Amino acid sequence: MGITRTHLSVSLDGFAAGPRQSVEHPLGVGGDRLHTWVFGLQAWRAEHGMTGGEVNASSAVVEEVQGNVGAVVMGRGMFGGGPGPWNEEDPWTGWWGEDPPFHAPVFVVTHHPREPLPMAGGTTFHFVTEGPEAAVEQARRVAGDRDVLVAGGAATVRDCLNAGLLDQLDLHLVPVLLRAGERLLDGVDDVRLEQVRAVEAPGVTHLRYRVLR
């Protein structure tokens, strides 16, 4: 049976996104600095339909966290399109173009209903209005023996931690200070974690935690 897990890049001061997130700055101002370690990797580029790239100590980590995913859960902020009801005249289809990198069903937690959105490469976005618990339940049902990845953003990961839905937390700790934005663990209840590994790599340290019940 698969597990429910997440992996996110965080700054040394605990932020998973920079301030003032918008269509122009989906990661917040300065938030792209959290991900420079991964953008040049061959493993990441291949997942996004690009060729070339670097191989280093992060490569095996990225291949592992991207692998064995049977379904994905994300928040409305990560899917994008702005707050409020969906714009039916110019429907938002995500940040990723016609062939999103998920290649699995994606369950978007939102307050506003919308019909499923099929895309190329096996990705279909389903919009869940009953909260993260319902989204994870639906994702687990279709994932079968594979894992459910809670892809973000930070608020959705916090909600899943507080609801006891996550089994594993992979954090990519980046040596930058954002000083503002959205902290990953602000408002998280007394969740007990057990560190199970640490991997040093250029520009990042990969930390894995098991969530204890």
N, C-alpha and C. Protein backbone atom coordinates (compact mmCIF):
# COMPACT_ATOMS: atom_id res chain seq x y z
N MET A 1 0.84 -1.20 0.00
CA MET A 1 0.00 0.00 0.00
C MET A 1 0.88 1.24 0.00
N GLY A 2 0.50 2.25 -0.77
CA GLY A 2 1.27 3.47 -0.83
C GLY A 2 1.09 4.33 0.40
N ILE A 3 1.89 5.38 0.50
CA ILE A 3 1.81 6.32 1.61
C ILE A 3 1.36 7.68 1.07
N THR A 4 1.02 8.57 1.99
CA THR A 4 0.69 9.96 1.65
C THR A 4 1.85 10.82 2.12
N ARG A 5 2.44 11.58 1.21
CA ARG A 5 3.68 12.29 1.52
C ARG A 5 3.72 13.63 0.81
N THR A 6 4.68 14.44 1.22
CA THR A 6 4.89 15.72 0.57
C THR A 6 6.38 15.96 0.43
N HIS A 7 6.77 16.82 -0.51
CA HIS A 7 8.15 17.31 -0.54
C HIS A 7 8.12 18.77 -0.99
N LEU A 8 8.82 19.61 -0.21
CA LEU A 8 8.82 21.05 -0.45
C LEU A 8 10.19 21.62 -0.17
N SER A 9 10.57 22.64 -0.93
CA SER A 9 11.77 23.42 -0.63
C SER A 9 11.42 24.49 0.39
N VAL A 10 12.29 24.66 1.39
CA VAL A 10 12.08 25.68 2.42
C VAL A 10 13.38 26.43 2.65
N SER A 11 13.24 27.69 3.07
CA SER A 11 14.40 28.51 3.39
C SER A 11 14.88 28.20 4.80
N LEU A 12 16.06 28.69 5.14
CA LEU A 12 16.58 28.49 6.48
C LEU A 12 15.68 29.11 7.55
N ASP A 13 14.96 30.17 7.19
CA ASP A 13 14.05 30.79 8.15
C ASP A 13 12.62 30.28 8.01
N GLY A 14 12.45 29.14 7.33
CA GLY A 14 11.20 28.41 7.40
C GLY A 14 10.14 28.74 6.38
N PHE A 15 10.46 29.52 5.34
CA PHE A 15 9.46 29.92 4.36
C PHE A 15 9.43 28.96 3.17
N ALA A 16 8.21 28.62 2.74
CA ALA A 16 8.04 27.79 1.55
C ALA A 16 7.67 28.61 0.33
N ALA A 17 7.42 29.90 0.51
CA ALA A 17 7.13 30.83 -0.59
C ALA A 17 7.48 32.23 -0.12
N GLY A 18 7.80 33.09 -1.08
CA GLY A 18 8.10 34.47 -0.76
C GLY A 18 6.84 35.29 -0.60
N PRO A 19 6.96 36.57 -0.27
CA PRO A 19 5.79 37.43 -0.09
C PRO A 19 5.15 37.83 -1.42
N ARG A 20 3.91 38.29 -1.34
CA ARG A 20 3.17 38.87 -2.48
C ARG A 20 3.07 37.89 -3.65
N GLN A 21 2.57 36.70 -3.39
CA GLN A 21 2.34 35.74 -4.46
C GLN A 21 1.27 36.27 -5.41
N SER A 22 1.50 36.07 -6.71
CA SER A 22 0.59 36.58 -7.73
C SER A 22 0.82 35.81 -9.02
N VAL A 23 0.05 36.16 -10.05
CA VAL A 23 0.26 35.52 -11.36
C VAL A 23 1.67 35.82 -11.86
N GLU A 24 2.15 37.04 -11.60
CA GLU A 24 3.50 37.41 -12.03
C GLU A 24 4.57 36.74 -11.17
N HIS A 25 4.26 36.50 -9.90
CA HIS A 25 5.20 35.88 -8.97
C HIS A 25 4.51 34.71 -8.26
N PRO A 26 4.32 33.58 -8.97
CA PRO A 26 3.58 32.47 -8.35
C PRO A 26 4.26 31.89 -7.12
N LEU A 27 5.57 32.04 -7.00
CA LEU A 27 6.30 31.57 -5.83
C LEU A 27 6.54 32.68 -4.82
N GLY A 28 5.94 33.84 -5.04
CA GLY A 28 6.21 35.00 -4.21
C GLY A 28 7.48 35.69 -4.65
N VAL A 29 7.63 36.94 -4.25
CA VAL A 29 8.84 37.69 -4.61
C VAL A 29 10.04 37.03 -3.95
N GLY A 30 10.99 36.61 -4.77
CA GLY A 30 12.18 35.93 -4.27
C GLY A 30 12.02 34.45 -4.02
N GLY A 31 10.79 33.94 -4.18
CA GLY A 31 10.56 32.53 -3.90
C GLY A 31 11.23 31.57 -4.85
N ASP A 32 11.56 32.05 -6.06
CA ASP A 32 12.26 31.18 -7.01
C ASP A 32 13.64 30.77 -6.50
N ARG A 33 14.20 31.52 -5.55
CA ARG A 33 15.51 31.17 -4.98
C ARG A 33 15.47 29.84 -4.23
N LEU A 34 14.27 29.42 -3.83
CA LEU A 34 14.13 28.14 -3.13
C LEU A 34 14.31 26.95 -4.07
N HIS A 35 14.27 27.19 -5.37
CA HIS A 35 14.23 26.08 -6.31
C HIS A 35 15.37 26.09 -7.32
N THR A 36 16.32 27.00 -7.18
CA THR A 36 17.41 27.04 -8.17
C THR A 36 18.22 25.76 -8.15
N TRP A 37 18.28 25.06 -7.02
CA TRP A 37 19.05 23.82 -6.93
C TRP A 37 18.49 22.73 -7.84
N VAL A 38 17.18 22.79 -8.16
CA VAL A 38 16.55 21.70 -8.91
C VAL A 38 16.39 22.01 -10.39
N PHE A 39 16.32 23.29 -10.76
CA PHE A 39 15.98 23.64 -12.13
C PHE A 39 16.98 23.11 -13.16
N GLY A 40 18.23 22.98 -12.79
CA GLY A 40 19.22 22.51 -13.76
C GLY A 40 19.44 21.01 -13.76
N LEU A 41 18.74 20.27 -12.90
CA LEU A 41 18.95 18.83 -12.81
C LEU A 41 18.33 18.09 -13.99
N GLN A 42 19.06 17.11 -14.50
CA GLN A 42 18.54 16.29 -15.59
C GLN A 42 17.23 15.61 -15.18
N ALA A 43 17.15 15.13 -13.94
CA ALA A 43 15.95 14.43 -13.48
C ALA A 43 14.73 15.34 -13.49
N TRP A 44 14.90 16.58 -13.09
CA TRP A 44 13.78 17.53 -13.08
C TRP A 44 13.43 17.95 -14.50
N ARG A 45 14.42 18.23 -15.31
CA ARG A 45 14.17 18.68 -16.68
C ARG A 45 13.46 17.60 -17.49
N ALA A 46 13.83 16.34 -17.30
CA ALA A 46 13.18 15.26 -18.04
C ALA A 46 11.70 15.17 -17.68
N GLU A 47 11.37 15.37 -16.40
CA GLU A 47 9.98 15.32 -15.95
C GLU A 47 9.16 16.44 -16.58
N HIS A 48 9.82 17.53 -16.96
CA HIS A 48 9.13 18.67 -17.56
C HIS A 48 9.34 18.75 -19.08
N GLY A 49 9.73 17.63 -19.68
CA GLY A 49 9.82 17.55 -21.13
C GLY A 49 11.02 18.24 -21.73
N MET A 50 12.07 18.46 -20.93
CA MET A 50 13.28 19.12 -21.43
C MET A 50 14.44 18.13 -21.46
N THR A 51 15.43 18.44 -22.26
CA THR A 51 16.61 17.58 -22.37
C THR A 51 17.79 18.20 -21.63
N GLY A 52 18.85 17.40 -21.51
CA GLY A 52 20.07 17.89 -20.88
C GLY A 52 19.92 18.02 -19.38
N GLY A 53 20.94 18.66 -18.78
CA GLY A 53 20.88 18.89 -17.34
C GLY A 53 22.01 18.22 -16.59
N GLU A 54 22.10 18.56 -15.34
CA GLU A 54 23.19 18.15 -14.46
C GLU A 54 22.78 16.92 -13.65
N VAL A 55 23.78 16.13 -13.29
CA VAL A 55 23.59 15.00 -12.38
C VAL A 55 24.48 15.23 -11.17
N ASN A 56 23.88 15.25 -9.97
CA ASN A 56 24.66 15.39 -8.75
C ASN A 56 23.95 14.64 -7.62
N ALA A 57 24.29 14.93 -6.38
CA ALA A 57 23.72 14.19 -5.26
C ALA A 57 22.22 14.39 -5.11
N SER A 58 21.68 15.46 -5.68
CA SER A 58 20.23 15.69 -5.63
C SER A 58 19.47 14.81 -6.62
N SER A 59 20.14 14.28 -7.62
CA SER A 59 19.43 13.59 -8.71
C SER A 59 18.63 12.40 -8.22
N ALA A 60 19.26 11.55 -7.42
CA ALA A 60 18.55 10.36 -6.92
C ALA A 60 17.40 10.76 -6.01
N VAL A 61 17.57 11.83 -5.24
CA VAL A 61 16.49 12.30 -4.37
C VAL A 61 15.30 12.75 -5.21
N VAL A 62 15.56 13.53 -6.24
CA VAL A 62 14.47 14.03 -7.09
C VAL A 62 13.77 12.87 -7.79
N GLU A 63 14.53 11.93 -8.31
CA GLU A 63 13.92 10.78 -8.97
C GLU A 63 13.03 10.01 -8.01
N GLU A 64 13.47 9.89 -6.76
CA GLU A 64 12.69 9.15 -5.78
C GLU A 64 11.40 9.89 -5.40
N VAL A 65 11.51 11.18 -5.10
CA VAL A 65 10.30 11.90 -4.65
C VAL A 65 9.31 12.10 -5.79
N GLN A 66 9.79 12.10 -7.02
CA GLN A 66 8.89 12.21 -8.16
C GLN A 66 8.30 10.87 -8.56
N GLY A 67 8.88 9.77 -8.09
CA GLY A 67 8.46 8.45 -8.52
C GLY A 67 7.34 7.86 -7.68
N ASN A 68 6.71 6.82 -8.22
CA ASN A 68 5.68 6.02 -7.53
C ASN A 68 4.48 6.87 -7.09
N VAL A 69 4.17 7.92 -7.83
CA VAL A 69 3.03 8.77 -7.48
C VAL A 69 1.81 8.34 -8.28
N GLY A 70 0.76 7.94 -7.55
CA GLY A 70 -0.48 7.52 -8.20
C GLY A 70 -1.53 8.60 -8.27
N ALA A 71 -1.40 9.62 -7.44
CA ALA A 71 -2.34 10.75 -7.44
C ALA A 71 -1.70 11.90 -6.68
N VAL A 72 -2.18 13.11 -6.98
CA VAL A 72 -1.60 14.33 -6.42
C VAL A 72 -2.73 15.16 -5.80
N VAL A 73 -2.41 15.81 -4.67
CA VAL A 73 -3.31 16.76 -4.03
C VAL A 73 -2.61 18.12 -3.98
N MET A 74 -3.32 19.18 -4.31
CA MET A 74 -2.75 20.52 -4.20
C MET A 74 -3.85 21.52 -3.84
N GLY A 75 -3.45 22.67 -3.33
CA GLY A 75 -4.39 23.73 -3.01
C GLY A 75 -4.69 24.61 -4.21
N ARG A 76 -5.72 25.42 -4.07
CA ARG A 76 -6.11 26.35 -5.13
C ARG A 76 -4.97 27.31 -5.45
N GLY A 77 -4.23 27.75 -4.43
CA GLY A 77 -3.14 28.67 -4.68
C GLY A 77 -2.06 28.08 -5.56
N MET A 78 -1.76 26.80 -5.38
CA MET A 78 -0.74 26.16 -6.21
C MET A 78 -1.25 25.96 -7.64
N PHE A 79 -2.52 25.59 -7.77
CA PHE A 79 -3.07 25.44 -9.12
C PHE A 79 -3.17 26.80 -9.81
N GLY A 80 -3.48 27.83 -9.03
CA GLY A 80 -3.51 29.18 -9.58
C GLY A 80 -4.86 29.58 -10.14
N GLY A 81 -4.85 30.73 -10.80
CA GLY A 81 -6.07 31.27 -11.37
C GLY A 81 -6.71 32.35 -10.55
N GLY A 82 -6.09 32.68 -9.41
CA GLY A 82 -6.63 33.75 -8.57
C GLY A 82 -7.73 33.27 -7.65
N PRO A 83 -8.08 34.08 -6.64
CA PRO A 83 -9.13 33.70 -5.70
C PRO A 83 -10.52 33.88 -6.29
N GLY A 84 -11.51 33.34 -5.59
CA GLY A 84 -12.88 33.54 -6.00
C GLY A 84 -13.35 32.54 -7.04
N PRO A 85 -14.58 32.72 -7.56
CA PRO A 85 -15.12 31.80 -8.56
C PRO A 85 -14.25 31.74 -9.81
N TRP A 86 -14.34 30.63 -10.52
CA TRP A 86 -13.56 30.45 -11.73
C TRP A 86 -14.08 31.34 -12.85
N ASN A 87 -13.18 31.82 -13.68
CA ASN A 87 -13.54 32.65 -14.83
C ASN A 87 -13.93 31.72 -15.99
N GLU A 88 -15.22 31.62 -16.25
CA GLU A 88 -15.69 30.70 -17.29
C GLU A 88 -15.35 31.19 -18.69
N GLU A 89 -15.20 32.48 -18.86
CA GLU A 89 -14.90 33.01 -20.20
C GLU A 89 -13.45 32.76 -20.59
N ASP A 90 -12.56 32.75 -19.62
CA ASP A 90 -11.15 32.51 -19.88
C ASP A 90 -10.64 31.54 -18.82
N PRO A 91 -11.00 30.26 -18.92
CA PRO A 91 -10.73 29.30 -17.84
C PRO A 91 -9.24 29.06 -17.64
N TRP A 92 -8.84 29.11 -16.38
CA TRP A 92 -7.45 28.86 -16.02
C TRP A 92 -7.18 27.36 -16.06
N THR A 93 -6.05 26.97 -16.67
CA THR A 93 -5.70 25.55 -16.79
C THR A 93 -4.41 25.20 -16.07
N GLY A 94 -3.91 26.10 -15.21
CA GLY A 94 -2.70 25.80 -14.45
C GLY A 94 -1.48 26.50 -15.04
N TRP A 95 -0.37 26.37 -14.30
CA TRP A 95 0.87 27.03 -14.69
C TRP A 95 1.69 26.23 -15.70
N TRP A 96 1.28 25.01 -16.04
CA TRP A 96 2.20 24.04 -16.64
C TRP A 96 1.98 23.80 -18.13
N GLY A 97 1.11 24.55 -18.78
CA GLY A 97 0.89 24.34 -20.21
C GLY A 97 -0.04 23.17 -20.47
N GLU A 98 -0.05 22.70 -21.72
CA GLU A 98 -0.98 21.67 -22.14
C GLU A 98 -0.61 20.28 -21.64
N ASP A 99 0.65 20.08 -21.23
CA ASP A 99 1.11 18.76 -20.77
C ASP A 99 1.74 18.92 -19.39
N PRO A 100 0.93 18.99 -18.33
CA PRO A 100 1.47 19.18 -16.99
C PRO A 100 2.36 18.00 -16.58
N PRO A 101 3.30 18.22 -15.65
CA PRO A 101 4.29 17.19 -15.33
C PRO A 101 3.78 16.12 -14.37
N PHE A 102 2.49 16.09 -14.03
CA PHE A 102 2.03 15.18 -12.99
C PHE A 102 1.73 13.78 -13.52
N HIS A 103 1.14 13.67 -14.71
CA HIS A 103 0.86 12.37 -15.35
C HIS A 103 0.06 11.45 -14.43
N ALA A 104 -0.88 12.04 -13.70
CA ALA A 104 -1.72 11.30 -12.75
C ALA A 104 -2.91 12.19 -12.42
N PRO A 105 -3.96 11.64 -11.82
CA PRO A 105 -5.06 12.49 -11.37
C PRO A 105 -4.59 13.48 -10.30
N VAL A 106 -5.04 14.73 -10.40
CA VAL A 106 -4.68 15.78 -9.45
C VAL A 106 -5.97 16.31 -8.82
N PHE A 107 -6.01 16.35 -7.49
CA PHE A 107 -7.20 16.80 -6.76
C PHE A 107 -6.90 18.16 -6.14
N VAL A 108 -7.59 19.18 -6.63
CA VAL A 108 -7.35 20.57 -6.24
C VAL A 108 -8.36 20.96 -5.17
N VAL A 109 -7.86 21.37 -4.01
CA VAL A 109 -8.73 21.80 -2.91
C VAL A 109 -9.15 23.25 -3.17
N THR A 110 -10.45 23.47 -3.27
CA THR A 110 -10.96 24.80 -3.62
C THR A 110 -12.33 24.99 -2.99
N HIS A 111 -12.74 26.24 -2.84
CA HIS A 111 -14.10 26.54 -2.37
C HIS A 111 -15.10 26.62 -3.51
N HIS A 112 -14.62 26.57 -4.75
CA HIS A 112 -15.50 26.85 -5.89
C HIS A 112 -15.53 25.64 -6.83
N PRO A 113 -16.73 25.07 -7.06
CA PRO A 113 -16.83 23.87 -7.89
C PRO A 113 -16.47 24.14 -9.35
N ARG A 114 -16.02 23.09 -9.99
CA ARG A 114 -15.65 23.18 -11.40
C ARG A 114 -15.62 21.76 -11.96
N GLU A 115 -15.96 21.60 -13.22
CA GLU A 115 -15.91 20.29 -13.85
C GLU A 115 -14.46 19.82 -13.98
N PRO A 116 -14.24 18.49 -13.98
CA PRO A 116 -12.87 17.99 -14.16
C PRO A 116 -12.24 18.53 -15.45
N LEU A 117 -10.92 18.73 -15.38
CA LEU A 117 -10.18 19.33 -16.49
C LEU A 117 -9.14 18.33 -16.98
N PRO A 118 -9.44 17.58 -18.06
CA PRO A 118 -8.45 16.64 -18.59
C PRO A 118 -7.39 17.37 -19.41
N MET A 119 -6.14 16.95 -19.23
CA MET A 119 -5.02 17.53 -19.95
C MET A 119 -4.23 16.41 -20.61
N ALA A 120 -3.19 16.76 -21.34
CA ALA A 120 -2.36 15.76 -22.02
C ALA A 120 -1.54 14.99 -20.99
N GLY A 121 -1.05 13.82 -21.41
CA GLY A 121 -0.09 13.06 -20.60
C GLY A 121 -0.66 12.35 -19.40
N GLY A 122 -2.00 12.19 -19.35
CA GLY A 122 -2.61 11.45 -18.25
C GLY A 122 -2.97 12.29 -17.05
N THR A 123 -2.78 13.61 -17.10
CA THR A 123 -3.16 14.49 -15.99
C THR A 123 -4.61 14.94 -16.17
N THR A 124 -5.42 14.73 -15.14
CA THR A 124 -6.75 15.32 -15.07
C THR A 124 -6.88 16.02 -13.73
N PHE A 125 -7.26 17.30 -13.75
CA PHE A 125 -7.49 18.06 -12.53
C PHE A 125 -8.94 17.88 -12.09
N HIS A 126 -9.11 17.45 -10.83
CA HIS A 126 -10.43 17.32 -10.22
C HIS A 126 -10.52 18.36 -9.10
N PHE A 127 -11.64 19.03 -8.99
CA PHE A 127 -11.78 20.15 -8.07
C PHE A 127 -12.68 19.73 -6.91
N VAL A 128 -12.10 19.76 -5.70
CA VAL A 128 -12.74 19.20 -4.51
C VAL A 128 -13.11 20.34 -3.57
N THR A 129 -14.39 20.46 -3.25
CA THR A 129 -14.87 21.57 -2.43
C THR A 129 -15.12 21.16 -0.98
N GLU A 130 -14.87 19.90 -0.62
CA GLU A 130 -15.16 19.43 0.74
C GLU A 130 -13.96 19.46 1.66
N GLY A 131 -12.84 20.04 1.21
CA GLY A 131 -11.68 20.17 2.08
C GLY A 131 -10.58 19.17 1.78
N PRO A 132 -9.40 19.33 2.44
CA PRO A 132 -8.26 18.48 2.14
C PRO A 132 -8.47 17.01 2.50
N GLU A 133 -9.25 16.74 3.56
CA GLU A 133 -9.50 15.34 3.92
C GLU A 133 -10.20 14.61 2.78
N ALA A 134 -11.20 15.26 2.19
CA ALA A 134 -11.92 14.64 1.07
C ALA A 134 -11.00 14.48 -0.14
N ALA A 135 -10.14 15.48 -0.38
CA ALA A 135 -9.23 15.39 -1.52
C ALA A 135 -8.26 14.23 -1.35
N VAL A 136 -7.69 14.08 -0.15
CA VAL A 136 -6.76 12.98 0.10
C VAL A 136 -7.48 11.63 0.00
N GLU A 137 -8.70 11.56 0.53
CA GLU A 137 -9.46 10.31 0.44
C GLU A 137 -9.68 9.91 -1.02
N GLN A 138 -10.08 10.87 -1.84
CA GLN A 138 -10.29 10.56 -3.26
C GLN A 138 -8.98 10.17 -3.94
N ALA A 139 -7.90 10.87 -3.58
CA ALA A 139 -6.60 10.56 -4.18
C ALA A 139 -6.14 9.16 -3.79
N ARG A 140 -6.31 8.80 -2.53
CA ARG A 140 -5.91 7.46 -2.09
C ARG A 140 -6.70 6.39 -2.83
N ARG A 141 -7.96 6.67 -3.08
CA ARG A 141 -8.80 5.68 -3.74
C ARG A 141 -8.31 5.38 -5.15
N VAL A 142 -7.87 6.41 -5.87
CA VAL A 142 -7.42 6.17 -7.25
C VAL A 142 -5.95 5.78 -7.32
N ALA A 143 -5.15 6.13 -6.28
CA ALA A 143 -3.72 5.81 -6.31
C ALA A 143 -3.46 4.33 -6.12
N GLY A 144 -4.35 3.62 -5.44
CA GLY A 144 -4.15 2.19 -5.21
C GLY A 144 -2.91 1.91 -4.39
N ASP A 145 -2.00 1.11 -4.94
CA ASP A 145 -0.77 0.75 -4.23
C ASP A 145 0.32 1.80 -4.36
N ARG A 146 0.07 2.85 -5.10
CA ARG A 146 1.07 3.89 -5.28
C ARG A 146 0.84 5.01 -4.26
N ASP A 147 1.78 5.97 -4.22
CA ASP A 147 1.72 7.03 -3.22
C ASP A 147 0.80 8.17 -3.65
N VAL A 148 0.31 8.89 -2.64
CA VAL A 148 -0.37 10.18 -2.85
C VAL A 148 0.62 11.28 -2.49
N LEU A 149 0.86 12.19 -3.42
CA LEU A 149 1.76 13.32 -3.18
C LEU A 149 0.94 14.56 -2.91
N VAL A 150 1.10 15.14 -1.72
CA VAL A 150 0.52 16.44 -1.42
C VAL A 150 1.54 17.47 -1.88
N ALA A 151 1.29 18.06 -3.04
CA ALA A 151 2.32 18.87 -3.71
C ALA A 151 2.44 20.28 -3.14
N GLY A 152 1.44 20.76 -2.42
CA GLY A 152 1.48 22.12 -1.89
C GLY A 152 0.19 22.85 -2.18
N GLY A 153 0.17 24.13 -1.89
CA GLY A 153 1.21 24.88 -1.23
C GLY A 153 1.26 24.63 0.26
N ALA A 154 1.94 25.56 0.94
CA ALA A 154 2.22 25.40 2.35
C ALA A 154 0.94 25.23 3.17
N ALA A 155 -0.09 25.99 2.87
CA ALA A 155 -1.32 25.91 3.65
C ALA A 155 -1.96 24.54 3.55
N THR A 156 -1.94 23.96 2.36
CA THR A 156 -2.52 22.63 2.17
C THR A 156 -1.71 21.58 2.91
N VAL A 157 -0.38 21.71 2.87
CA VAL A 157 0.46 20.77 3.63
C VAL A 157 0.19 20.90 5.12
N ARG A 158 0.07 22.12 5.63
CA ARG A 158 -0.25 22.32 7.05
C ARG A 158 -1.58 21.67 7.41
N ASP A 159 -2.59 21.89 6.59
CA ASP A 159 -3.90 21.31 6.86
C ASP A 159 -3.81 19.78 6.92
N CYS A 160 -3.04 19.20 6.01
CA CYS A 160 -2.90 17.74 5.99
C CYS A 160 -2.12 17.23 7.20
N LEU A 161 -1.10 17.97 7.62
CA LEU A 161 -0.37 17.60 8.83
C LEU A 161 -1.29 17.64 10.05
N ASN A 162 -2.03 18.73 10.18
CA ASN A 162 -2.91 18.89 11.34
C ASN A 162 -4.03 17.85 11.35
N ALA A 163 -4.44 17.39 10.18
CA ALA A 163 -5.51 16.40 10.09
C ALA A 163 -4.99 14.97 10.20
N GLY A 164 -3.67 14.80 10.36
CA GLY A 164 -3.10 13.46 10.48
C GLY A 164 -3.10 12.67 9.19
N LEU A 165 -3.05 13.37 8.05
CA LEU A 165 -3.15 12.70 6.75
C LEU A 165 -1.80 12.34 6.15
N LEU A 166 -0.71 12.94 6.63
CA LEU A 166 0.60 12.73 6.03
C LEU A 166 1.39 11.65 6.77
N ASP A 167 2.07 10.82 6.00
CA ASP A 167 2.96 9.80 6.56
C ASP A 167 4.42 10.22 6.50
N GLN A 168 4.77 11.07 5.56
CA GLN A 168 6.19 11.39 5.33
C GLN A 168 6.33 12.82 4.84
N LEU A 169 7.37 13.47 5.33
CA LEU A 169 7.65 14.86 4.99
C LEU A 169 9.08 14.96 4.49
N ASP A 170 9.27 15.30 3.21
CA ASP A 170 10.59 15.54 2.64
C ASP A 170 10.78 17.04 2.48
N LEU A 171 11.79 17.58 3.17
CA LEU A 171 12.08 19.00 3.08
C LEU A 171 13.43 19.19 2.41
N HIS A 172 13.48 20.10 1.44
CA HIS A 172 14.72 20.46 0.77
C HIS A 172 15.14 21.81 1.35
N LEU A 173 16.09 21.79 2.25
CA LEU A 173 16.49 22.98 3.01
C LEU A 173 17.53 23.77 2.22
N VAL A 174 17.16 24.99 1.85
CA VAL A 174 17.98 25.82 0.97
C VAL A 174 18.61 26.95 1.80
N PRO A 175 19.91 27.20 1.65
CA PRO A 175 20.59 28.21 2.49
C PRO A 175 20.35 29.64 2.03
N VAL A 176 19.07 30.03 2.07
CA VAL A 176 18.70 31.42 1.80
C VAL A 176 17.78 31.89 2.92
N LEU A 177 17.70 33.19 3.13
CA LEU A 177 16.78 33.81 4.07
C LEU A 177 15.78 34.66 3.29
N LEU A 178 14.52 34.32 3.36
CA LEU A 178 13.50 35.10 2.65
C LEU A 178 12.93 36.21 3.53
N ARG A 179 12.92 36.01 4.84
CA ARG A 179 12.51 37.02 5.83
C ARG A 179 11.01 37.36 5.80
N ALA A 180 10.31 36.96 4.76
CA ALA A 180 8.87 37.21 4.67
C ALA A 180 8.29 36.21 3.68
N GLY A 181 6.98 36.07 3.74
CA GLY A 181 6.31 35.14 2.85
C GLY A 181 5.40 34.21 3.63
N GLU A 182 5.36 32.95 3.23
CA GLU A 182 4.51 31.96 3.89
C GLU A 182 5.37 30.88 4.53
N ARG A 183 5.36 30.85 5.85
CA ARG A 183 6.10 29.82 6.58
C ARG A 183 5.37 28.48 6.47
N LEU A 184 6.15 27.43 6.29
CA LEU A 184 5.54 26.13 6.11
C LEU A 184 4.83 25.65 7.37
N LEU A 185 5.45 25.82 8.54
CA LEU A 185 4.95 25.16 9.74
C LEU A 185 4.24 26.09 10.71
N ASP A 186 4.01 27.33 10.35
CA ASP A 186 3.22 28.22 11.21
C ASP A 186 1.80 27.66 11.37
N GLY A 187 1.36 27.53 12.61
CA GLY A 187 0.01 27.04 12.85
C GLY A 187 -0.12 25.53 12.85
N VAL A 188 0.99 24.81 12.73
CA VAL A 188 0.93 23.35 12.81
C VAL A 188 0.81 22.94 14.27
N ASP A 189 -0.05 21.98 14.55
CA ASP A 189 -0.24 21.47 15.90
C ASP A 189 1.00 20.69 16.35
N ASP A 190 0.91 20.06 17.49
CA ASP A 190 2.04 19.33 18.06
C ASP A 190 2.25 18.02 17.31
N VAL A 191 2.78 18.12 16.11
CA VAL A 191 3.05 16.95 15.28
C VAL A 191 4.43 16.40 15.64
N ARG A 192 4.52 15.10 15.85
CA ARG A 192 5.80 14.47 16.19
C ARG A 192 6.44 13.90 14.93
N LEU A 193 7.71 14.23 14.72
CA LEU A 193 8.44 13.79 13.54
C LEU A 193 9.68 13.01 13.95
N GLU A 194 10.04 12.04 13.13
CA GLU A 194 11.28 11.28 13.31
C GLU A 194 12.13 11.45 12.05
N GLN A 195 13.34 12.00 12.21
CA GLN A 195 14.21 12.15 11.04
C GLN A 195 14.76 10.79 10.65
N VAL A 196 14.66 10.49 9.34
CA VAL A 196 15.14 9.19 8.87
C VAL A 196 16.29 9.29 7.89
N ARG A 197 16.57 10.51 7.37
CA ARG A 197 17.76 10.65 6.54
C ARG A 197 18.07 12.12 6.30
N ALA A 198 19.32 12.36 5.92
CA ALA A 198 19.77 13.69 5.49
C ALA A 198 20.78 13.48 4.37
N VAL A 199 20.60 14.19 3.26
CA VAL A 199 21.48 14.08 2.10
C VAL A 199 22.01 15.46 1.76
N GLU A 200 23.32 15.64 1.79
CA GLU A 200 23.93 16.91 1.38
C GLU A 200 24.10 16.94 -0.13
N ALA A 201 23.82 18.09 -0.73
CA ALA A 201 23.96 18.25 -2.17
C ALA A 201 24.28 19.72 -2.45
N PRO A 202 24.73 20.04 -3.65
CA PRO A 202 25.05 21.43 -3.97
C PRO A 202 23.84 22.36 -3.78
N GLY A 203 23.97 23.32 -2.88
CA GLY A 203 22.94 24.31 -2.68
C GLY A 203 21.72 23.88 -1.91
N VAL A 204 21.73 22.67 -1.32
CA VAL A 204 20.53 22.18 -0.64
C VAL A 204 20.89 20.99 0.24
N THR A 205 20.13 20.82 1.32
CA THR A 205 20.21 19.61 2.13
C THR A 205 18.83 18.97 2.15
N HIS A 206 18.77 17.69 1.81
CA HIS A 206 17.50 16.98 1.72
C HIS A 206 17.25 16.24 3.04
N LEU A 207 16.14 16.58 3.69
CA LEU A 207 15.79 16.01 4.99
C LEU A 207 14.49 15.22 4.85
N ARG A 208 14.48 14.01 5.39
CA ARG A 208 13.26 13.20 5.37
C ARG A 208 12.81 12.93 6.79
N TYR A 209 11.52 13.13 7.04
CA TYR A 209 10.91 12.87 8.34
C TYR A 209 9.72 11.93 8.19
N ARG A 210 9.64 10.99 9.10
CA ARG A 210 8.45 10.16 9.25
C ARG A 210 7.52 10.84 10.23
N VAL A 211 6.24 10.91 9.89
CA VAL A 211 5.25 11.50 10.79
C VAL A 211 4.76 10.41 11.73
N LEU A 212 4.95 10.64 13.04
CA LEU A 212 4.59 9.66 14.04
C LEU A 212 3.15 9.87 14.48
N ARG A 213 2.44 8.82 14.64
CA ARG A 213 1.03 8.89 15.07
C ARG A 213 0.95 8.93 16.59
